[in-house]
Protein backbone atom coordinates (compact mmCIF):
# COMPACT_ATOMS: atom_id res chain seq x y z
CA MET A 1 -31.46 29.17 21.89
CA GLU A 2 -32.96 31.75 24.19
CA LYS A 3 -36.35 33.23 23.46
CA TYR A 4 -36.51 36.85 22.34
CA ILE A 5 -39.10 39.46 23.32
CA ASP A 6 -40.15 42.73 21.73
CA GLY A 7 -41.70 44.96 24.39
CA PHE A 8 -43.88 48.05 23.97
CA LEU A 9 -45.14 50.79 26.27
CA LEU A 10 -47.60 53.33 24.87
CA THR A 11 -50.57 55.49 25.67
CA VAL A 12 -53.98 55.45 24.04
CA PRO A 13 -56.71 58.04 24.48
CA LYS A 14 -59.43 56.30 26.46
CA GLU A 15 -61.99 57.28 23.83
CA ASN A 16 -59.95 55.34 21.22
CA LEU A 17 -59.39 52.17 23.23
CA GLU A 18 -61.92 50.10 21.27
CA LYS A 19 -60.38 51.19 17.94
CA TYR A 20 -56.94 50.38 19.33
CA LYS A 21 -58.13 46.94 20.44
CA GLU A 22 -59.34 46.21 16.90
CA MET A 23 -55.95 47.27 15.50
CA ALA A 24 -54.12 45.15 18.05
CA GLN A 25 -56.21 42.08 17.26
CA HIS A 26 -55.48 42.57 13.56
CA ALA A 27 -51.76 42.92 14.27
CA GLN A 28 -51.78 39.89 16.57
CA GLY A 29 -53.11 37.69 13.78
CA ILE A 30 -50.44 38.89 11.36
CA TRP A 31 -47.54 38.35 13.78
CA LEU A 32 -48.76 34.91 14.84
CA GLU A 33 -49.36 33.87 11.23
CA HIS A 34 -45.77 34.78 10.39
CA GLY A 35 -44.38 32.74 13.29
CA ALA A 36 -44.40 34.73 16.54
CA LEU A 37 -44.91 32.40 19.50
CA ASP A 38 -47.11 34.78 21.49
CA TYR A 39 -48.54 38.28 21.18
CA ARG A 40 -50.06 40.04 24.18
CA GLU A 41 -51.40 43.51 24.91
CA GLY A 42 -52.65 44.68 28.28
CA VAL A 43 -54.42 47.86 29.29
CA ALA A 44 -53.61 49.61 32.59
CA ASP A 45 -55.55 48.48 35.63
CA ASP A 46 -53.34 48.78 38.71
CA ILE A 47 -50.11 50.47 37.67
CA ASP A 48 -49.11 53.37 39.89
CA GLY A 49 -48.43 52.00 43.37
CA GLU A 50 -47.25 54.38 46.04
CA GLY A 51 -43.52 54.18 46.67
CA PHE A 52 -42.74 52.86 43.18
CA ALA A 53 -41.93 54.44 39.84
CA SER A 54 -45.03 55.21 37.81
CA PHE A 55 -45.97 53.39 34.62
CA SER A 56 -48.14 56.39 33.73
CA ALA A 57 -45.13 58.70 34.03
CA ALA A 58 -42.84 56.29 32.16
CA ALA A 59 -45.33 56.11 29.30
CA GLY A 60 -45.91 59.87 29.36
CA ALA A 61 -49.65 59.40 29.86
CA ARG A 62 -51.68 62.57 29.62
CA ASP A 63 -55.14 63.33 30.95
CA GLY A 64 -57.69 61.16 29.22
CA GLU A 65 -55.14 58.51 28.20
CA THR A 66 -54.54 54.99 29.42
CA VAL A 67 -51.33 52.95 29.32
CA VAL A 68 -50.87 49.84 27.17
CA PHE A 69 -48.11 47.33 27.85
CA ALA A 70 -47.47 44.79 25.10
CA TRP A 71 -45.02 42.12 24.09
CA ILE A 72 -44.34 39.67 21.29
CA LEU A 73 -42.45 36.43 21.96
CA TYR A 74 -40.15 34.80 19.43
CA ALA A 75 -38.06 31.62 19.43
CA SER A 76 -34.87 33.69 18.99
CA LYS A 77 -33.59 37.06 17.84
CA ALA A 78 -32.94 35.61 14.38
CA GLU A 79 -36.56 34.45 14.24
CA ARG A 80 -37.71 37.89 15.38
CA ASP A 81 -35.75 39.53 12.59
CA ARG A 82 -37.11 37.07 10.00
CA ILE A 83 -40.71 37.39 11.22
CA ASN A 84 -40.62 41.17 11.49
CA ALA A 85 -39.30 41.45 7.93
CA LYS A 86 -42.29 39.42 6.74
CA VAL A 87 -44.72 41.39 8.89
CA MET A 88 -43.41 44.75 7.65
CA ALA A 89 -43.79 43.55 4.04
CA ASP A 90 -47.31 42.21 4.66
CA PRO A 91 -49.84 44.45 2.87
CA ARG A 92 -52.39 43.85 5.65
CA LEU A 93 -50.17 45.79 8.03
CA ALA A 94 -50.25 48.77 5.68
CA ASP A 95 -54.05 48.73 6.03
CA MET A 96 -53.71 49.43 9.74
CA CYS A 97 -53.76 53.10 10.56
CA CYS A 98 -52.45 54.56 13.80
CA ASP A 99 -53.27 58.14 12.88
CA GLY A 100 -55.87 59.43 15.25
CA VAL A 101 -55.94 56.24 17.32
CA PHE A 102 -52.66 56.78 19.22
CA ASP A 103 -49.42 58.70 18.76
CA VAL A 104 -46.91 56.13 17.54
CA LYS A 105 -44.04 58.62 18.03
CA ARG A 106 -44.65 58.49 21.80
CA MET A 107 -44.47 54.69 21.91
CA CYS A 108 -41.45 53.04 23.54
CA TRP A 109 -40.27 49.71 22.21
CA GLY A 110 -37.24 47.50 22.46
CA GLY A 111 -35.91 44.00 21.96
CA PHE A 112 -34.96 41.85 24.95
CA THR A 113 -33.15 38.57 25.35
CA SER A 114 -34.89 36.20 27.73
CA LEU A 115 -33.38 36.19 31.21
CA ILE A 116 -35.66 33.54 32.72
CA GLY A 117 -38.60 31.50 31.44
CA LYS A 118 -39.10 28.94 28.75
């Protein structure tokens, strides 16, 4: 079976980055506990090289915001569906609040089958 990846691209107001990090760490524990193989989140450092498309533009970053790129790795799409059902039913996830930390409606996400890698 090929691994499956959920990918995310979002913006976070720089002033909320520490709050976002706390939320992400909380979420990471929940996903890993329910069986995700890996959970990573990265904050923009070197993203808008001249002559290339812009991550900032793709994410719709506004003044005062930074870009976050994240992914969750699963053993398969079936495992992703099983794990995500458990995560969405987990009451600890309901305790997480995005309001005021970042605009979830501006987040991009999608599921991807693994093209290369183990």
